[in-house]
PDB file of N, CA and C in Angstrom:
ATOM      1  N   UNK A   1     -35.424   7.590  13.182  1.00  0.00           N
ATOM      2  CA  UNK A   1     -34.093   7.209  12.385  1.00  0.00           C
ATOM      3  C   UNK A   1     -34.300   8.309  11.210  1.00  0.00           C
ATOM      4  N   UNK A   2     -33.042   8.566  10.942  1.00  0.00           N
ATOM      5  CA  UNK A   2     -32.338   9.798   9.912  1.00  0.00           C
ATOM      6  C   UNK A   2     -32.815   8.844   8.399  1.00  0.00           C
ATOM      7  N   UNK A   3     -33.172  10.111   7.056  1.00  0.00           N
ATOM      8  CA  UNK A   3     -33.554   9.515   6.321  1.00  0.00           C
ATOM      9  C   UNK A   3     -32.210   9.820   5.119  1.00  0.00           C
ATOM     10  N   UNK A   4     -31.850   8.536   4.708  1.00  0.00           N
ATOM     11  CA  UNK A   4     -30.745   8.818   3.925  1.00  0.00           C
ATOM     12  C   UNK A   4     -30.961   7.612   2.419  1.00  0.00           C
ATOM     13  N   UNK A   5     -31.000   8.550   1.266  1.00  0.00           N
ATOM     14  CA  UNK A   5     -31.446   7.656   0.159  1.00  0.00           C
ATOM     15  C   UNK A   5     -30.182   7.111  -0.129  1.00  0.00           C
ATOM     16  N   UNK A   6     -30.524   5.815  -0.311  1.00  0.00           N
ATOM     17  CA  UNK A   6     -29.126   4.408  -1.001  1.00  0.00           C
ATOM     18  C   UNK A   6     -29.830   3.704  -2.144  1.00  0.00           C
ATOM     19  N   UNK A   7     -29.148   4.782  -3.302  1.00  0.00           N
ATOM     20  CA  UNK A   7     -29.185   3.942  -4.465  1.00  0.00           C
ATOM     21  C   UNK A   7     -30.666   3.654  -4.921  1.00  0.00           C
ATOM     22  N   UNK A   8     -31.190   4.989  -4.994  1.00  0.00           N
ATOM     23  CA  UNK A   8     -32.966   4.854  -5.631  1.00  0.00           C
ATOM     24  C   UNK A   8     -32.927   4.754  -7.463  1.00  0.00           C
ATOM     25  N   UNK A   9     -32.929   3.480  -7.796  1.00  0.00           N
ATOM     26  CA  UNK A   9     -32.810   3.146  -9.227  1.00  0.00           C
ATOM     27  C   UNK A   9     -32.227   4.449  -9.773  1.00  0.00           C
ATOM     28  N   UNK A  10     -30.525   4.604  -9.970  1.00  0.00           N
ATOM     29  CA  UNK A  10     -30.145   5.550 -11.064  1.00  0.00           C
ATOM     30  C   UNK A  10     -30.680   5.492 -12.141  1.00  0.00           C
ATOM     31  N   UNK A  11     -30.540   6.627 -12.936  1.00  0.00           N
ATOM     32  CA  UNK A  11     -30.447   6.771 -14.364  1.00  0.00           C
ATOM     33  C   UNK A  11     -29.659   6.250 -15.198  1.00  0.00           C
ATOM     34  N   UNK A  12     -28.228   6.058 -14.600  1.00  0.00           N
ATOM     35  CA  UNK A  12     -27.079   5.965 -14.783  1.00  0.00           C
ATOM     36  C   UNK A  12     -25.964   5.454 -13.729  1.00  0.00           C
ATOM     37  N   UNK A  13     -25.074   4.632 -14.322  1.00  0.00           N
ATOM     38  CA  UNK A  13     -24.120   4.205 -13.161  1.00  0.00           C
ATOM     39  C   UNK A  13     -23.244   3.922 -14.261  1.00  0.00           C
ATOM     40  N   UNK A  14     -21.965   4.606 -13.772  1.00  0.00           N
ATOM     41  CA  UNK A  14     -20.708   5.127 -14.268  1.00  0.00           C
ATOM     42  C   UNK A  14     -19.666   4.163 -13.388  1.00  0.00           C
ATOM     43  N   UNK A  15     -18.623   3.742 -14.091  1.00  0.00           N
ATOM     44  CA  UNK A  15     -17.527   3.393 -13.144  1.00  0.00           C
ATOM     45  C   UNK A  15     -16.272   3.451 -13.714  1.00  0.00           C
ATOM     46  N   UNK A  16     -14.952   3.240 -12.970  1.00  0.00           N
ATOM     47  CA  UNK A  16     -13.622   3.272 -13.679  1.00  0.00           C
ATOM     48  C   UNK A  16     -13.135   2.438 -12.599  1.00  0.00           C
ATOM     49  N   UNK A  17     -11.830   1.711 -13.312  1.00  0.00           N
ATOM     50  CA  UNK A  17     -10.954   0.756 -12.582  1.00  0.00           C
ATOM     51  C   UNK A  17      -9.606   1.313 -12.992  1.00  0.00           C
ATOM     52  N   UNK A  18      -8.652   1.599 -12.126  1.00  0.00           N
ATOM     53  CA  UNK A  18      -7.425   1.983 -11.641  1.00  0.00           C
ATOM     54  C   UNK A  18      -6.763   1.031 -11.424  1.00  0.00           C
ATOM     55  N   UNK A  19      -5.982   0.156 -12.475  1.00  0.00           N
ATOM     56  CA  UNK A  19      -5.313  -1.002 -13.025  1.00  0.00           C
ATOM     57  C   UNK A  19      -3.977  -1.131 -11.614  1.00  0.00           C
ATOM     58  N   UNK A  20      -3.234   0.439 -11.764  1.00  0.00           N
ATOM     59  CA  UNK A  20      -2.039   0.137 -11.095  1.00  0.00           C
ATOM     60  C   UNK A  20      -2.420   0.949  -9.946  1.00  0.00           C
ATOM     61  N   UNK A  21      -3.550   1.511  -9.429  1.00  0.00           N
ATOM     62  CA  UNK A  21      -3.871   1.365  -7.599  1.00  0.00           C
ATOM     63  C   UNK A  21      -4.786   0.015  -7.276  1.00  0.00           C
ATOM     64  N   UNK A  22      -5.338  -0.221  -8.385  1.00  0.00           N
ATOM     65  CA  UNK A  22      -6.152  -1.772  -7.699  1.00  0.00           C
ATOM     66  C   UNK A  22      -7.340  -1.086  -7.323  1.00  0.00           C
ATOM     67  N   UNK A  23      -7.959  -0.163  -8.011  1.00  0.00           N
ATOM     68  CA  UNK A  23      -8.973   0.401  -7.191  1.00  0.00           C
ATOM     69  C   UNK A  23     -10.258   0.299  -8.212  1.00  0.00           C
ATOM     70  N   UNK A  24     -11.539  -0.019  -8.003  1.00  0.00           N
ATOM     71  CA  UNK A  24     -12.793   0.008  -8.586  1.00  0.00           C
ATOM     72  C   UNK A  24     -13.770   1.552  -8.368  1.00  0.00           C
ATOM     73  N   UNK A  25     -14.249   2.260  -9.234  1.00  0.00           N
ATOM     74  CA  UNK A  25     -14.905   3.378  -8.334  1.00  0.00           C
ATOM     75  C   UNK A  25     -16.280   3.074  -8.886  1.00  0.00           C
ATOM     76  N   UNK A  26     -16.997   3.360  -8.231  1.00  0.00           N
ATOM     77  CA  UNK A  26     -18.292   3.445  -8.786  1.00  0.00           C
ATOM     78  C   UNK A  26     -19.195   4.502  -8.597  1.00  0.00           C
ATOM     79  N   UNK A  27     -19.992   4.816  -9.483  1.00  0.00           N
ATOM     80  CA  UNK A  27     -20.866   6.245  -9.159  1.00  0.00           C
ATOM     81  C   UNK A  27     -21.969   6.131  -9.875  1.00  0.00           C
ATOM     82  N   UNK A  28     -23.139   6.674  -9.183  1.00  0.00           N
ATOM     83  CA  UNK A  28     -23.896   6.846  -9.510  1.00  0.00           C
ATOM     84  C   UNK A  28     -24.302   8.149 -10.287  1.00  0.00           C
ATOM     85  N   UNK A  29     -24.971   7.977 -11.514  1.00  0.00           N
ATOM     86  CA  UNK A  29     -24.687   9.110 -12.636  1.00  0.00           C
ATOM     87  C   UNK A  29     -23.129   9.648 -12.684  1.00  0.00           C
ATOM     88  N   UNK A  30     -23.116  10.581 -13.083  1.00  0.00           N
ATOM     89  CA  UNK A  30     -21.634  11.229 -13.268  1.00  0.00           C
ATOM     90  C   UNK A  30     -21.165  11.391 -11.779  1.00  0.00           C
ATOM     91  N   UNK A  31     -19.617  11.321 -11.853  1.00  0.00           N
ATOM     92  CA  UNK A  31     -19.130  11.162 -10.458  1.00  0.00           C
ATOM     93  C   UNK A  31     -19.239  12.546 -10.084  1.00  0.00           C
ATOM     94  N   UNK A  32     -19.260  13.034  -8.701  1.00  0.00           N
ATOM     95  CA  UNK A  32     -19.082  14.446  -8.300  1.00  0.00           C
ATOM     96  C   UNK A  32     -18.966  14.695  -6.837  1.00  0.00           C
ATOM     97  N   UNK A  33     -18.335  15.526  -6.425  1.00  0.00           N
ATOM     98  CA  UNK A  33     -17.786  15.716  -5.309  1.00  0.00           C
ATOM     99  C   UNK A  33     -18.429  15.252  -3.634  1.00  0.00           C
ATOM    100  N   UNK A  34     -17.871  14.262  -3.021  1.00  0.00           N
ATOM    101  CA  UNK A  34     -18.584  13.427  -2.021  1.00  0.00           C
ATOM    102  C   UNK A  34     -17.613  13.069  -0.530  1.00  0.00           C
ATOM    103  N   UNK A  35     -18.381  12.686   0.070  1.00  0.00           N
ATOM    104  CA  UNK A  35     -17.464  12.386   1.374  1.00  0.00           C
ATOM    105  C   UNK A  35     -17.025  11.014   1.537  1.00  0.00           C
ATOM    106  N   UNK A  36     -16.224  10.472   1.923  1.00  0.00           N
ATOM    107  CA  UNK A  36     -15.811   8.960   2.035  1.00  0.00           C
ATOM    108  C   UNK A  36     -16.221   8.514   3.097  1.00  0.00           C
ATOM    109  N   UNK A  37     -16.871   7.286   3.519  1.00  0.00           N
ATOM    110  CA  UNK A  37     -17.394   6.723   4.462  1.00  0.00           C
ATOM    111  C   UNK A  37     -16.720   5.355   4.436  1.00  0.00           C
ATOM    112  N   UNK A  38     -15.635   4.990   5.342  1.00  0.00           N
ATOM    113  CA  UNK A  38     -15.067   3.894   5.548  1.00  0.00           C
ATOM    114  C   UNK A  38     -15.820   2.811   6.174  1.00  0.00           C
ATOM    115  N   UNK A  39     -16.564   2.186   5.103  1.00  0.00           N
ATOM    116  CA  UNK A  39     -17.701   0.453   6.072  1.00  0.00           C
ATOM    117  C   UNK A  39     -16.881  -0.349   5.955  1.00  0.00           C
ATOM    118  N   UNK A  40     -15.502  -0.754   6.002  1.00  0.00           N
ATOM    119  CA  UNK A  40     -14.796  -1.382   6.578  1.00  0.00           C
ATOM    120  C   UNK A  40     -14.462  -2.413   4.750  1.00  0.00           C
ATOM    121  N   UNK A  41     -13.747  -3.431   5.250  1.00  0.00           N
ATOM    122  CA  UNK A  41     -13.086  -4.576   4.375  1.00  0.00           C
ATOM    123  C   UNK A  41     -12.871  -3.987   3.064  1.00  0.00           C
ATOM    124  N   UNK A  42     -12.091  -2.765   3.073  1.00  0.00           N
ATOM    125  CA  UNK A  42     -11.626  -1.768   1.494  1.00  0.00           C
ATOM    126  C   UNK A  42     -12.689  -1.236   0.844  1.00  0.00           C
ATOM    127  N   UNK A  43     -14.173  -0.911   1.562  1.00  0.00           N
ATOM    128  CA  UNK A  43     -15.064  -0.651   1.034  1.00  0.00           C
ATOM    129  C   UNK A  43     -15.031   1.022   1.014  1.00  0.00           C
ATOM    130  N   UNK A  44     -15.475   2.049   0.611  1.00  0.00           N
ATOM    131  CA  UNK A  44     -15.800   3.272   0.900  1.00  0.00           C
ATOM    132  C   UNK A  44     -16.946   3.839   0.341  1.00  0.00           C
ATOM    133  N   UNK A  45     -17.794   4.172   0.862  1.00  0.00           N
ATOM    134  CA  UNK A  45     -18.794   4.714   0.423  1.00  0.00           C
ATOM    135  C   UNK A  45     -19.127   6.123   0.026  1.00  0.00           C
ATOM    136  N   UNK A  46     -19.338   6.427  -0.945  1.00  0.00           N
ATOM    137  CA  UNK A  46     -19.264   8.005  -1.105  1.00  0.00           C
ATOM    138  C   UNK A  46     -20.654   8.640  -0.777  1.00  0.00           C
ATOM    139  N   UNK A  47     -21.033   9.531  -0.086  1.00  0.00           N
ATOM    140  CA  UNK A  47     -22.060   9.991   0.308  1.00  0.00           C
ATOM    141  C   UNK A  47     -21.802  11.558   0.158  1.00  0.00           C
ATOM    142  N   UNK A  48     -22.968  12.000  -0.566  1.00  0.00           N
ATOM    143  CA  UNK A  48     -23.091  13.588  -0.602  1.00  0.00           C
ATOM    144  C   UNK A  48     -23.859  13.750   0.570  1.00  0.00           C
ATOM    145  N   UNK A  49     -23.487  14.949   1.871  1.00  0.00           N
ATOM    146  CA  UNK A  49     -24.183  15.405   2.913  1.00  0.00           C
ATOM    147  C   UNK A  49     -25.120  16.229   2.974  1.00  0.00           C
ATOM    148  N   UNK A  50     -24.956  17.109   2.003  1.00  0.00           N
ATOM    149  CA  UNK A  50     -26.047  17.688   1.490  1.00  0.00           C
ATOM    150  C   UNK A  50     -27.215  17.126   1.221  1.00  0.00           C
ATOM    151  N   UNK A  51     -27.239  16.300   0.248  1.00  0.00           N
ATOM    152  CA  UNK A  51     -28.591  15.931  -0.368  1.00  0.00           C
ATOM    153  C   UNK A  51     -28.821  14.354   0.456  1.00  0.00           C
ATOM    154  N   UNK A  52     -27.999  14.046   1.015  1.00  0.00           N
ATOM    155  CA  UNK A  52     -28.336  12.815   2.288  1.00  0.00           C
ATOM    156  C   UNK A  52     -28.352  11.608   1.613  1.00  0.00           C
ATOM    157  N   UNK A  53     -27.158  11.513   0.430  1.00  0.00           N
ATOM    158  CA  UNK A  53     -27.340  10.064  -0.435  1.00  0.00           C
ATOM    159  C   UNK A  53     -26.333   9.709  -0.585  1.00  0.00           C
ATOM    160  N   UNK A  54     -26.245   8.176  -1.165  1.00  0.00           N
ATOM    161  CA  UNK A  54     -25.274   7.546  -1.359  1.00  0.00           C
ATOM    162  C   UNK A  54     -25.096   7.973  -2.671  1.00  0.00           C
ATOM    163  N   UNK A  55     -23.823   8.304  -3.488  1.00  0.00           N
ATOM    164  CA  UNK A  55     -23.093   8.415  -4.692  1.00  0.00           C
ATOM    165  C   UNK A  55     -22.367   8.013  -5.194  1.00  0.00           C
ATOM    166  N   UNK A  56     -21.895   6.704  -4.745  1.00  0.00           N
ATOM    167  CA  UNK A  56     -21.021   5.503  -5.034  1.00  0.00           C
ATOM    168  C   UNK A  56     -20.328   5.166  -4.408  1.00  0.00           C
ATOM    169  N   UNK A  57     -19.490   3.822  -4.902  1.00  0.00           N
ATOM    170  CA  UNK A  57     -18.592   3.261  -4.047  1.00  0.00           C
ATOM    171  C   UNK A  57     -17.257   3.170  -4.002  1.00  0.00           C
ATOM    172  N   UNK A  58     -16.301   3.138  -3.356  1.00  0.00           N
ATOM    173  CA  UNK A  58     -14.773   2.411  -3.817  1.00  0.00           C
ATOM    174  C   UNK A  58     -14.257   1.441  -3.280  1.00  0.00           C
ATOM    175  N   UNK A  59     -14.105   0.338  -4.521  1.00  0.00           N
ATOM    176  CA  UNK A  59     -13.604  -0.807  -3.943  1.00  0.00           C
ATOM    177  C   UNK A  59     -11.764  -1.165  -3.926  1.00  0.00           C
ATOM    178  N   UNK A  60     -11.417  -0.748  -2.835  1.00  0.00           N
ATOM    179  CA  UNK A  60      -9.853  -1.202  -2.753  1.00  0.00           C
ATOM    180  C   UNK A  60      -9.382  -2.619  -2.844  1.00  0.00           C
ATOM    181  N   UNK A  61      -8.292  -2.802  -3.613  1.00  0.00           N
ATOM    182  CA  UNK A  61      -7.540  -3.917  -3.837  1.00  0.00           C
ATOM    183  C   UNK A  61      -8.863  -5.170  -4.401  1.00  0.00           C
ATOM    184  N   UNK A  62      -9.223  -4.627  -5.503  1.00  0.00           N
ATOM    185  CA  UNK A  62     -10.356  -5.360  -6.171  1.00  0.00           C
ATOM    186  C   UNK A  62      -9.764  -6.834  -7.160  1.00  0.00           C
ATOM    187  N   UNK A  63      -9.000  -6.548  -7.431  1.00  0.00           N
ATOM    188  CA  UNK A  63      -7.630  -7.733  -8.039  1.00  0.00           C
ATOM    189  C   UNK A  63      -7.569  -8.715  -7.028  1.00  0.00           C
ATOM    190  N   UNK A  64      -6.608  -7.803  -6.276  1.00  0.00           N
ATOM    191  CA  UNK A  64      -6.074  -8.766  -5.027  1.00  0.00           C
ATOM    192  C   UNK A  64      -7.209  -9.290  -4.363  1.00  0.00           C
ATOM    193  N   UNK A  65      -8.208  -8.887  -4.217  1.00  0.00           N
ATOM    194  CA  UNK A  65      -9.296  -9.574  -3.425  1.00  0.00           C
ATOM    195  C   UNK A  65      -9.859 -10.898  -4.227  1.00  0.00           C
ATOM    196  N   UNK A  66     -10.135 -11.155  -5.589  1.00  0.00           N
ATOM    197  CA  UNK A  66     -10.480 -11.529  -6.728  1.00  0.00           C
ATOM    198  C   UNK A  66      -9.737 -12.907  -6.450  1.00  0.00           C
ATOM    199  N   UNK A  67      -8.265 -12.396  -6.669  1.00  0.00           N
ATOM    200  CA  UNK A  67      -7.331 -13.563  -6.709  1.00  0.00           C
ATOM    201  C   UNK A  67      -7.510 -14.267  -5.543  1.00  0.00           C
ATOM    202  N   UNK A  68      -7.193 -13.695  -4.358  1.00  0.00           N
ATOM    203  CA  UNK A  68      -7.191 -14.725  -3.013  1.00  0.00           C
ATOM    204  C   UNK A  68      -8.584 -15.353  -2.902  1.00  0.00           C
ATOM    205  N   UNK A  69      -9.663 -14.642  -3.346  1.00  0.00           N
ATOM    206  CA  UNK A  69     -10.870 -15.649  -3.566  1.00  0.00           C
ATOM    207  C   UNK A  69     -10.745 -16.692  -4.477  1.00  0.00           C
ATOM    208  N   UNK A  70     -10.141 -16.582  -5.325  1.00  0.00           N
ATOM    209  CA  UNK A  70      -9.967 -17.681  -6.595  1.00  0.00           C
ATOM    210  C   UNK A  70      -8.765 -19.007  -5.835  1.00  0.00           C
ATOM    211  N   UNK A  71      -8.404 -18.457  -5.162  1.00  0.00           N
ATOM    212  CA  UNK A  71      -6.793 -19.255  -4.689  1.00  0.00           C
ATOM    213  C   UNK A  71      -7.670 -20.430  -3.532  1.00  0.00           C
ATOM    214  N   UNK A  72      -8.404 -19.645  -3.036  1.00  0.00           N
ATOM    215  CA  UNK A  72      -9.219 -19.991  -1.569  1.00  0.00           C
ATOM    216  C   UNK A  72     -10.312 -21.105  -2.456  1.00  0.00           C
ATOM    217  N   UNK A  73     -10.611 -21.373  -3.077  1.00  0.00           N
ATOM    218  CA  UNK A  73     -11.659 -21.986  -3.909  1.00  0.00           C
ATOM    219  C   UNK A  73     -10.916 -23.535  -4.489  1.00  0.00           C
ATOM    220  N   UNK A  74      -9.426 -23.521  -4.235  1.00  0.00           N
ATOM    221  CA  UNK A  74      -8.564 -24.392  -5.288  1.00  0.00           C
ATOM    222  C   UNK A  74      -8.510 -25.482  -4.107  1.00  0.00           C
TER     223      UNK A  74
END
C-alpha cells in the first residue's frame, strides 16, 4: 500500500468561507497550491502530490446542505 499523509496533527488549521459561492475552504497550515480530488458528495480533497499529503478540503454548498439537513429534522 502506498503511503499518503492524512492530516497529521497540524500546527495550524485555517479556513475561509465564500458566502456568495457557498463554499468552505479548510487548509492545513497556510493555503498553498494543490490538486483537487473530488471524493464525492460535494467534498474536494486538496492534495500535494509531491509530498503525498492531504493539505485541505473544500466543501461545496455548505449552507445549502445545512439548511436541507435542518429541514429534514423538522
